[in-house]
């Protein structure tokens, strides 16, 4: 009996965790705890059955706690943006499971009649955007080469719609919007009042990653089931509906696709 227990403990440690240890699934605090449970609870339940171990969704509470727990390697399965995923791949040995199709890109906009013509004209001026470490603002700040010559970020809560509202009410000299929001949500007459003065590079979309405590075989099992079975696709349906636009499913990706995007978080004023 003692030999059997010792063997089980050894095998559990070899795989990176004890067999009885639950896995933690999370995502950035972009919704309330209740909404987060509705969003990611079905995925946690499905993965529990798939992996044969309890997977529990945990709402991170706030952005400060989210950043701290990501750096502490607390989470096992995470759905978030390319910069966070790239950081975990680089520093914590995470693996990409599946991602949303398409790309993420962001525009820096000013009023059509503004005297501002380039990002250099915004040094020391206010830009309305979702507060860092949100990818939208970080991707625009990457365009400012000198860290001491940057704009002032006015953090706006409530999404891109609130960013646009604050800008149109005169709170800032420019604003950052996701290209998809600009193209699909703004009316033609609204676009006519604006000019795009800078575009971020196109980046891979949001992604699910797994910690090094989850084996390669388990990652492949998750990937195959989430993409290839009706039950797996159903578990991802709430997330796909909210973040996937018209996409029909998540898609295959790799660690290499996210290479380098961790630099949006490292060595910058508004990063880690």
C-alpha atoms as a PDB file:
ATOM      1  CA  UNK A   1       0.000   0.000   0.000  1.00  0.00           C
ATOM      2  CA  UNK A   2       2.795   2.413   0.926  1.00  0.00           C
ATOM      3  CA  UNK A   3       4.548   1.620  -2.339  1.00  0.00           C
ATOM      4  CA  UNK A   4       1.378   2.382  -4.317  1.00  0.00           C
ATOM      5  CA  UNK A   5       0.897   5.753  -2.596  1.00  0.00           C
ATOM      6  CA  UNK A   6       4.544   6.649  -3.188  1.00  0.00           C
ATOM      7  CA  UNK A   7       4.202   5.737  -6.861  1.00  0.00           C
ATOM      8  CA  UNK A   8       1.073   7.853  -7.260  1.00  0.00           C
ATOM      9  CA  UNK A   9       2.776  10.832  -5.634  1.00  0.00           C
ATOM     10  CA  UNK A  10       5.799  10.395  -7.882  1.00  0.00           C
ATOM     11  CA  UNK A  11       3.698  10.232 -11.020  1.00  0.00           C
ATOM     12  CA  UNK A  12       1.691  13.249  -9.917  1.00  0.00           C
ATOM     13  CA  UNK A  13       4.814  15.310  -9.295  1.00  0.00           C
ATOM     14  CA  UNK A  14       6.302  14.116 -12.582  1.00  0.00           C
ATOM     15  CA  UNK A  15       3.296  15.514 -14.446  1.00  0.00           C
ATOM     16  CA  UNK A  16       3.740  18.837 -12.622  1.00  0.00           C
ATOM     17  CA  UNK A  17       0.892  18.503 -10.100  1.00  0.00           C
ATOM     18  CA  UNK A  18      -0.717  16.122  -7.693  1.00  0.00           C
ATOM     19  CA  UNK A  19      -3.607  14.082  -9.058  1.00  0.00           C
ATOM     20  CA  UNK A  20      -5.984  15.574  -6.498  1.00  0.00           C
ATOM     21  CA  UNK A  21      -5.023  19.181  -7.211  1.00  0.00           C
ATOM     22  CA  UNK A  22      -7.694  21.235  -8.937  1.00  0.00           C
ATOM     23  CA  UNK A  23      -6.881  23.316 -11.970  1.00  0.00           C
ATOM     24  CA  UNK A  24      -7.703  27.031 -12.054  1.00  0.00           C
ATOM     25  CA  UNK A  25      -9.306  28.591 -15.127  1.00  0.00           C
ATOM     26  CA  UNK A  26      -9.455  32.367 -15.394  1.00  0.00           C
ATOM     27  CA  UNK A  27      -9.621  35.394 -17.683  1.00  0.00           C
ATOM     28  CA  UNK A  28      -9.073  39.136 -17.142  1.00  0.00           C
ATOM     29  CA  UNK A  29     -11.685  40.923 -14.977  1.00  0.00           C
ATOM     30  CA  UNK A  30     -13.632  42.379 -17.869  1.00  0.00           C
ATOM     31  CA  UNK A  31     -16.966  41.381 -16.325  1.00  0.00           C
ATOM     32  CA  UNK A  32     -18.447  40.812 -12.878  1.00  0.00           C
ATOM     33  CA  UNK A  33     -17.853  37.588 -10.982  1.00  0.00           C
ATOM     34  CA  UNK A  34     -21.364  36.402 -11.841  1.00  0.00           C
ATOM     35  CA  UNK A  35     -20.974  37.196 -15.534  1.00  0.00           C
ATOM     36  CA  UNK A  36     -17.562  35.542 -15.500  1.00  0.00           C
ATOM     37  CA  UNK A  37     -19.091  32.371 -14.108  1.00  0.00           C
ATOM     38  CA  UNK A  38     -21.716  32.414 -16.857  1.00  0.00           C
ATOM     39  CA  UNK A  39     -19.013  33.028 -19.443  1.00  0.00           C
ATOM     40  CA  UNK A  40     -16.390  30.490 -18.400  1.00  0.00           C
ATOM     41  CA  UNK A  41     -18.228  28.118 -16.066  1.00  0.00           C
ATOM     42  CA  UNK A  42     -19.339  25.813 -18.927  1.00  0.00           C
ATOM     43  CA  UNK A  43     -15.736  25.535 -20.123  1.00  0.00           C
ATOM     44  CA  UNK A  44     -14.479  24.688 -16.636  1.00  0.00           C
ATOM     45  CA  UNK A  45     -17.155  22.021 -16.265  1.00  0.00           C
ATOM     46  CA  UNK A  46     -16.343  20.497 -19.636  1.00  0.00           C
ATOM     47  CA  UNK A  47     -12.600  20.440 -19.009  1.00  0.00           C
ATOM     48  CA  UNK A  48     -13.174  18.803 -15.627  1.00  0.00           C
ATOM     49  CA  UNK A  49     -14.848  15.898 -17.377  1.00  0.00           C
ATOM     50  CA  UNK A  50     -12.323  15.833 -20.204  1.00  0.00           C
ATOM     51  CA  UNK A  51      -9.225  15.820 -17.989  1.00  0.00           C
ATOM     52  CA  UNK A  52     -10.703  13.751 -15.185  1.00  0.00           C
ATOM     53  CA  UNK A  53      -9.757  16.383 -12.616  1.00  0.00           C
ATOM     54  CA  UNK A  54     -11.632  19.349 -11.128  1.00  0.00           C
ATOM     55  CA  UNK A  55     -11.257  22.554 -13.121  1.00  0.00           C
ATOM     56  CA  UNK A  56     -12.637  25.627 -11.363  1.00  0.00           C
ATOM     57  CA  UNK A  57     -13.252  29.079 -12.807  1.00  0.00           C
ATOM     58  CA  UNK A  58     -11.863  31.834 -10.562  1.00  0.00           C
ATOM     59  CA  UNK A  59     -12.669  35.492 -11.136  1.00  0.00           C
ATOM     60  CA  UNK A  60      -9.461  37.494 -10.500  1.00  0.00           C
ATOM     61  CA  UNK A  61     -11.283  40.359  -8.791  1.00  0.00           C
ATOM     62  CA  UNK A  62      -9.455  43.297 -10.372  1.00  0.00           C
ATOM     63  CA  UNK A  63      -6.642  44.072 -12.790  1.00  0.00           C
ATOM     64  CA  UNK A  64      -4.009  44.553 -10.104  1.00  0.00           C
ATOM     65  CA  UNK A  65      -4.731  41.127  -8.649  1.00  0.00           C
ATOM     66  CA  UNK A  66      -4.868  39.605 -12.127  1.00  0.00           C
ATOM     67  CA  UNK A  67      -1.392  40.903 -12.949  1.00  0.00           C
ATOM     68  CA  UNK A  68      -0.006  39.747  -9.616  1.00  0.00           C
ATOM     69  CA  UNK A  69      -1.458  36.231  -9.909  1.00  0.00           C
ATOM     70  CA  UNK A  70      -0.334  35.868 -13.533  1.00  0.00           C
ATOM     71  CA  UNK A  71       3.236  36.708 -12.519  1.00  0.00           C
ATOM     72  CA  UNK A  72       2.954  34.265  -9.598  1.00  0.00           C
ATOM     73  CA  UNK A  73       1.925  31.461 -11.998  1.00  0.00           C
ATOM     74  CA  UNK A  74      -1.296  30.863 -10.050  1.00  0.00           C
ATOM     75  CA  UNK A  75      -3.501  30.050 -13.037  1.00  0.00           C
ATOM     76  CA  UNK A  76      -3.502  26.843 -15.079  1.00  0.00           C
ATOM     77  CA  UNK A  77      -5.825  27.646 -17.998  1.00  0.00           C
ATOM     78  CA  UNK A  78      -6.164  31.256 -19.129  1.00  0.00           C
ATOM     79  CA  UNK A  79      -8.067  33.043 -21.887  1.00  0.00           C
ATOM     80  CA  UNK A  80      -6.654  36.499 -22.599  1.00  0.00           C
ATOM     81  CA  UNK A  81      -4.771  38.710 -25.032  1.00  0.00           C
ATOM     82  CA  UNK A  82      -1.586  38.015 -26.993  1.00  0.00           C
ATOM     83  CA  UNK A  83       0.702  40.126 -24.781  1.00  0.00           C
ATOM     84  CA  UNK A  84      -0.265  38.270 -21.589  1.00  0.00           C
ATOM     85  CA  UNK A  85      -0.093  34.901 -23.325  1.00  0.00           C
ATOM     86  CA  UNK A  86       3.311  35.715 -24.820  1.00  0.00           C
ATOM     87  CA  UNK A  87       4.624  36.720 -21.394  1.00  0.00           C
ATOM     88  CA  UNK A  88       3.516  33.415 -19.869  1.00  0.00           C
ATOM     89  CA  UNK A  89       4.978  31.466 -22.787  1.00  0.00           C
ATOM     90  CA  UNK A  90       8.308  33.257 -22.377  1.00  0.00           C
ATOM     91  CA  UNK A  91       8.588  33.213 -18.595  1.00  0.00           C
ATOM     92  CA  UNK A  92       6.329  30.433 -17.302  1.00  0.00           C
ATOM     93  CA  UNK A  93       6.500  27.797 -20.021  1.00  0.00           C
ATOM     94  CA  UNK A  94       2.821  28.038 -21.000  1.00  0.00           C
ATOM     95  CA  UNK A  95       1.511  26.339 -24.121  1.00  0.00           C
ATOM     96  CA  UNK A  96      -1.064  27.623 -26.593  1.00  0.00           C
ATOM     97  CA  UNK A  97      -4.197  25.491 -26.746  1.00  0.00           C
ATOM     98  CA  UNK A  98      -6.552  27.257 -29.186  1.00  0.00           C
ATOM     99  CA  UNK A  99      -7.195  30.851 -30.234  1.00  0.00           C
ATOM    100  CA  UNK A 100      -9.895  33.001 -31.742  1.00  0.00           C
ATOM    101  CA  UNK A 101      -9.479  33.431 -35.500  1.00  0.00           C
ATOM    102  CA  UNK A 102      -8.406  36.704 -37.046  1.00  0.00           C
ATOM    103  CA  UNK A 103      -6.234  39.519 -35.775  1.00  0.00           C
ATOM    104  CA  UNK A 104      -6.316  42.400 -33.334  1.00  0.00           C
ATOM    105  CA  UNK A 105      -5.451  45.902 -34.488  1.00  0.00           C
ATOM    106  CA  UNK A 106      -5.978  49.341 -32.977  1.00  0.00           C
ATOM    107  CA  UNK A 107      -6.341  52.867 -34.368  1.00  0.00           C
ATOM    108  CA  UNK A 108      -5.274  56.165 -32.873  1.00  0.00           C
ATOM    109  CA  UNK A 109      -7.821  58.795 -33.896  1.00  0.00           C
ATOM    110  CA  UNK A 110      -8.198  62.558 -33.690  1.00  0.00           C
ATOM    111  CA  UNK A 111     -10.890  64.945 -34.840  1.00  0.00           C
ATOM    112  CA  UNK A 112     -10.861  65.686 -38.545  1.00  0.00           C
ATOM    113  CA  UNK A 113     -10.164  69.380 -37.959  1.00  0.00           C
ATOM    114  CA  UNK A 114      -7.447  68.743 -35.369  1.00  0.00           C
ATOM    115  CA  UNK A 115      -3.974  70.183 -35.853  1.00  0.00           C
ATOM    116  CA  UNK A 116      -2.531  66.872 -34.663  1.00  0.00           C
ATOM    117  CA  UNK A 117      -1.092  64.939 -37.598  1.00  0.00           C
ATOM    118  CA  UNK A 118       1.199  62.313 -36.067  1.00  0.00           C
ATOM    119  CA  UNK A 119       1.761  60.524 -32.795  1.00  0.00           C
ATOM    120  CA  UNK A 120       4.659  62.862 -32.014  1.00  0.00           C
ATOM    121  CA  UNK A 121       2.169  65.727 -31.833  1.00  0.00           C
ATOM    122  CA  UNK A 122       0.519  63.953 -28.884  1.00  0.00           C
ATOM    123  CA  UNK A 123       3.506  63.985 -26.526  1.00  0.00           C
ATOM    124  CA  UNK A 124       2.259  65.450 -23.248  1.00  0.00           C
ATOM    125  CA  UNK A 125      -1.373  65.497 -24.432  1.00  0.00           C
ATOM    126  CA  UNK A 126      -4.240  63.311 -23.236  1.00  0.00           C
ATOM    127  CA  UNK A 127      -5.308  60.144 -25.048  1.00  0.00           C
ATOM    128  CA  UNK A 128      -8.572  58.443 -24.125  1.00  0.00           C
ATOM    129  CA  UNK A 129      -8.260  54.671 -23.958  1.00  0.00           C
ATOM    130  CA  UNK A 130      -8.812  51.642 -21.796  1.00  0.00           C
ATOM    131  CA  UNK A 131      -6.194  51.724 -19.063  1.00  0.00           C
ATOM    132  CA  UNK A 132      -3.037  49.618 -19.446  1.00  0.00           C
ATOM    133  CA  UNK A 133      -2.289  46.756 -19.351  1.00  0.00           C
ATOM    134  CA  UNK A 134      -5.142  46.578 -21.870  1.00  0.00           C
ATOM    135  CA  UNK A 135      -3.693  45.697 -25.264  1.00  0.00           C
ATOM    136  CA  UNK A 136      -5.355  48.604 -27.078  1.00  0.00           C
ATOM    137  CA  UNK A 137      -3.458  51.319 -25.223  1.00  0.00           C
ATOM    138  CA  UNK A 138      -0.204  49.379 -24.940  1.00  0.00           C
ATOM    139  CA  UNK A 139      -0.144  48.759 -28.693  1.00  0.00           C
ATOM    140  CA  UNK A 140      -0.360  52.489 -29.362  1.00  0.00           C
ATOM    141  CA  UNK A 141       2.209  53.408 -26.716  1.00  0.00           C
ATOM    142  CA  UNK A 142       4.603  51.046 -28.497  1.00  0.00           C
ATOM    143  CA  UNK A 143       4.725  53.659 -31.249  1.00  0.00           C
ATOM    144  CA  UNK A 144       6.443  56.156 -28.924  1.00  0.00           C
ATOM    145  CA  UNK A 145      10.131  55.292 -28.980  1.00  0.00           C
ATOM    146  CA  UNK A 146      11.199  57.509 -26.097  1.00  0.00           C
ATOM    147  CA  UNK A 147       9.614  56.387 -22.799  1.00  0.00           C
ATOM    148  CA  UNK A 148       9.905  59.869 -21.291  1.00  0.00           C
ATOM    149  CA  UNK A 149       8.220  61.519 -24.269  1.00  0.00           C
ATOM    150  CA  UNK A 150       4.784  59.957 -24.259  1.00  0.00           C
ATOM    151  CA  UNK A 151       1.181  61.109 -24.072  1.00  0.00           C
ATOM    152  CA  UNK A 152      -0.905  61.157 -20.912  1.00  0.00           C
ATOM    153  CA  UNK A 153      -3.275  58.199 -20.787  1.00  0.00           C
ATOM    154  CA  UNK A 154      -6.768  58.987 -19.531  1.00  0.00           C
ATOM    155  CA  UNK A 155      -8.096  55.566 -18.545  1.00  0.00           C
ATOM    156  CA  UNK A 156     -11.725  54.994 -19.486  1.00  0.00           C
ATOM    157  CA  UNK A 157     -13.829  52.201 -18.006  1.00  0.00           C
ATOM    158  CA  UNK A 158     -16.675  50.485 -19.811  1.00  0.00           C
ATOM    159  CA  UNK A 159     -15.266  49.505 -23.186  1.00  0.00           C
ATOM    160  CA  UNK A 160     -14.670  51.135 -26.545  1.00  0.00           C
ATOM    161  CA  UNK A 161     -18.065  52.800 -26.613  1.00  0.00           C
ATOM    162  CA  UNK A 162     -17.238  54.737 -23.449  1.00  0.00           C
ATOM    163  CA  UNK A 163     -13.823  55.651 -24.865  1.00  0.00           C
ATOM    164  CA  UNK A 164     -15.482  57.132 -27.944  1.00  0.00           C
ATOM    165  CA  UNK A 165     -18.022  58.978 -25.803  1.00  0.00           C
ATOM    166  CA  UNK A 166     -15.345  60.529 -23.583  1.00  0.00           C
ATOM    167  CA  UNK A 167     -13.347  61.646 -26.611  1.00  0.00           C
ATOM    168  CA  UNK A 168     -16.348  63.161 -28.372  1.00  0.00           C
ATOM    169  CA  UNK A 169     -17.178  65.064 -25.188  1.00  0.00           C
ATOM    170  CA  UNK A 170     -13.768  66.725 -25.392  1.00  0.00           C
ATOM    171  CA  UNK A 171     -11.937  64.929 -22.586  1.00  0.00           C
ATOM    172  CA  UNK A 172      -8.897  64.075 -24.736  1.00  0.00           C
ATOM    173  CA  UNK A 173      -6.942  65.146 -27.797  1.00  0.00           C
ATOM    174  CA  UNK A 174      -7.064  61.621 -29.289  1.00  0.00           C
ATOM    175  CA  UNK A 175      -8.508  58.189 -28.606  1.00  0.00           C
ATOM    176  CA  UNK A 176      -7.632  54.526 -29.130  1.00  0.00           C
ATOM    177  CA  UNK A 177     -10.230  52.225 -30.675  1.00  0.00           C
ATOM    178  CA  UNK A 178     -10.051  48.662 -31.874  1.00  0.00           C
ATOM    179  CA  UNK A 179     -10.197  48.573 -35.670  1.00  0.00           C
ATOM    180  CA  UNK A 180     -13.206  46.241 -35.561  1.00  0.00           C
ATOM    181  CA  UNK A 181     -15.088  48.724 -33.370  1.00  0.00           C
ATOM    182  CA  UNK A 182     -14.222  51.600 -35.679  1.00  0.00           C
ATOM    183  CA  UNK A 183     -15.201  49.679 -38.807  1.00  0.00           C
ATOM    184  CA  UNK A 184     -18.384  48.039 -37.521  1.00  0.00           C
ATOM    185  CA  UNK A 185     -19.778  50.178 -34.717  1.00  0.00           C
ATOM    186  CA  UNK A 186     -19.216  53.758 -35.802  1.00  0.00           C
ATOM    187  CA  UNK A 187     -21.720  55.247 -38.226  1.00  0.00           C
ATOM    188  CA  UNK A 188     -20.461  56.832 -41.467  1.00  0.00           C
ATOM    189  CA  UNK A 189     -21.233  60.307 -40.162  1.00  0.00           C
ATOM    190  CA  UNK A 190     -19.185  59.584 -37.045  1.00  0.00           C
ATOM    191  CA  UNK A 191     -16.212  58.405 -39.092  1.00  0.00           C
ATOM    192  CA  UNK A 192     -16.386  61.588 -41.139  1.00  0.00           C
ATOM    193  CA  UNK A 193     -15.578  63.553 -38.009  1.00  0.00           C
ATOM    194  CA  UNK A 194     -12.396  61.560 -37.374  1.00  0.00           C
ATOM    195  CA  UNK A 195      -8.930  60.930 -38.807  1.00  0.00           C
ATOM    196  CA  UNK A 196      -6.726  57.902 -38.226  1.00  0.00           C
ATOM    197  CA  UNK A 197      -3.174  59.068 -37.523  1.00  0.00           C
ATOM    198  CA  UNK A 198      -1.649  55.763 -36.428  1.00  0.00           C
ATOM    199  CA  UNK A 199      -2.378  52.050 -36.764  1.00  0.00           C
ATOM    200  CA  UNK A 200      -0.871  49.371 -34.565  1.00  0.00           C
ATOM    201  CA  UNK A 201       0.524  46.243 -36.146  1.00  0.00           C
ATOM    202  CA  UNK A 202      -1.889  43.352 -36.583  1.00  0.00           C
ATOM    203  CA  UNK A 203      -1.544  40.858 -33.761  1.00  0.00           C
ATOM    204  CA  UNK A 204      -2.907  37.349 -33.238  1.00  0.00           C
ATOM    205  CA  UNK A 205      -6.215  37.271 -31.419  1.00  0.00           C
ATOM    206  CA  UNK A 206      -7.092  36.208 -27.890  1.00  0.00           C
ATOM    207  CA  UNK A 207      -5.971  32.745 -26.923  1.00  0.00           C
ATOM    208  CA  UNK A 208      -6.331  29.952 -24.389  1.00  0.00           C
ATOM    209  CA  UNK A 209      -3.045  28.847 -22.841  1.00  0.00           C
ATOM    210  CA  UNK A 210      -2.174  26.038 -20.437  1.00  0.00           C
ATOM    211  CA  UNK A 211       0.436  26.140 -17.686  1.00  0.00           C
ATOM    212  CA  UNK A 212       3.422  23.810 -17.605  1.00  0.00           C
ATOM    213  CA  UNK A 213       1.587  21.831 -14.926  1.00  0.00           C
ATOM    214  CA  UNK A 214      -0.605  20.498 -17.739  1.00  0.00           C
ATOM    215  CA  UNK A 215       1.161  17.889 -19.836  1.00  0.00           C
ATOM    216  CA  UNK A 216       1.656  18.059 -23.592  1.00  0.00           C
ATOM    217  CA  UNK A 217      -0.668  15.070 -23.976  1.00  0.00           C
ATOM    218  CA  UNK A 218      -3.382  16.889 -22.019  1.00  0.00           C
ATOM    219  CA  UNK A 219      -2.911  20.056 -24.084  1.00  0.00           C
ATOM    220  CA  UNK A 220      -3.357  18.036 -27.269  1.00  0.00           C
ATOM    221  CA  UNK A 221      -6.402  16.337 -25.799  1.00  0.00           C
ATOM    222  CA  UNK A 222      -7.926  19.719 -24.909  1.00  0.00           C
ATOM    223  CA  UNK A 223      -7.157  21.117 -28.340  1.00  0.00           C
ATOM    224  CA  UNK A 224      -8.640  18.187 -30.206  1.00  0.00           C
ATOM    225  CA  UNK A 225     -11.790  18.066 -28.097  1.00  0.00           C
ATOM    226  CA  UNK A 226     -12.435  21.816 -28.023  1.00  0.00           C
ATOM    227  CA  UNK A 227     -12.117  22.061 -31.794  1.00  0.00           C
ATOM    228  CA  UNK A 228     -13.344  18.676 -32.913  1.00  0.00           C
ATOM    229  CA  UNK A 229     -16.336  17.735 -30.770  1.00  0.00           C
ATOM    230  CA  UNK A 230     -19.805  19.306 -30.410  1.00  0.00           C
ATOM    231  CA  UNK A 231     -19.479  19.261 -26.616  1.00  0.00           C
ATOM    232  CA  UNK A 232     -16.154  21.088 -26.765  1.00  0.00           C
ATOM    233  CA  UNK A 233     -17.460  23.699 -29.154  1.00  0.00           C
ATOM    234  CA  UNK A 234     -20.516  24.191 -26.953  1.00  0.00           C
ATOM    235  CA  UNK A 235     -18.280  24.799 -23.941  1.00  0.00           C
ATOM    236  CA  UNK A 236     -16.530  27.580 -25.860  1.00  0.00           C
ATOM    237  CA  UNK A 237     -19.761  29.037 -27.271  1.00  0.00           C
ATOM    238  CA  UNK A 238     -20.250  31.839 -24.679  1.00  0.00           C
ATOM    239  CA  UNK A 239     -16.689  33.078 -25.195  1.00  0.00           C
ATOM    240  CA  UNK A 240     -16.952  32.781 -28.957  1.00  0.00           C
ATOM    241  CA  UNK A 241     -20.207  34.728 -28.956  1.00  0.00           C
ATOM    242  CA  UNK A 242     -18.761  37.578 -26.912  1.00  0.00           C
ATOM    243  CA  UNK A 243     -15.327  37.918 -28.467  1.00  0.00           C
ATOM    244  CA  UNK A 244     -15.400  36.065 -31.770  1.00  0.00           C
ATOM    245  CA  UNK A 245     -17.581  38.313 -33.900  1.00  0.00           C
ATOM    246  CA  UNK A 246     -18.908  36.184 -36.746  1.00  0.00           C
ATOM    247  CA  UNK A 247     -16.375  33.393 -36.213  1.00  0.00           C
ATOM    248  CA  UNK A 248     -17.784  29.872 -36.162  1.00  0.00           C
ATOM    249  CA  UNK A 249     -15.159  28.308 -33.937  1.00  0.00           C
ATOM    250  CA  UNK A 250     -11.780  28.679 -32.266  1.00  0.00           C
ATOM    251  CA  UNK A 251      -8.797  27.611 -34.372  1.00  0.00           C
ATOM    252  CA  UNK A 252      -5.396  25.931 -34.063  1.00  0.00           C
ATOM    253  CA  UNK A 253      -2.415  28.100 -33.153  1.00  0.00           C
ATOM    254  CA  UNK A 254       1.096  27.733 -31.736  1.00  0.00           C
ATOM    255  CA  UNK A 255       3.491  29.351 -29.286  1.00  0.00           C
ATOM    256  CA  UNK A 256       5.505  30.730 -32.208  1.00  0.00           C
ATOM    257  CA  UNK A 257       2.582  32.855 -33.381  1.00  0.00           C
ATOM    258  CA  UNK A 258       2.792  34.850 -30.131  1.00  0.00           C
ATOM    259  CA  UNK A 259       6.553  35.264 -30.116  1.00  0.00           C
ATOM    260  CA  UNK A 260       7.686  38.743 -29.098  1.00  0.00           C
ATOM    261  CA  UNK A 261       4.389  40.226 -27.961  1.00  0.00           C
ATOM    262  CA  UNK A 262       5.511  39.967 -24.347  1.00  0.00           C
ATOM    263  CA  UNK A 263       7.652  43.050 -25.062  1.00  0.00           C
ATOM    264  CA  UNK A 264       4.488  45.148 -24.884  1.00  0.00           C
ATOM    265  CA  UNK A 265       4.568  44.411 -21.153  1.00  0.00           C
ATOM    266  CA  UNK A 266       8.285  44.430 -20.458  1.00  0.00           C
ATOM    267  CA  UNK A 267      10.571  47.404 -20.045  1.00  0.00           C
ATOM    268  CA  UNK A 268       7.804  49.950 -20.557  1.00  0.00           C
ATOM    269  CA  UNK A 269       6.260  52.519 -18.226  1.00  0.00           C
ATOM    270  CA  UNK A 270       2.775  51.016 -18.257  1.00  0.00           C
ATOM    271  CA  UNK A 271       3.837  47.365 -18.331  1.00  0.00           C
ATOM    272  CA  UNK A 272       4.757  44.987 -15.538  1.00  0.00           C
END
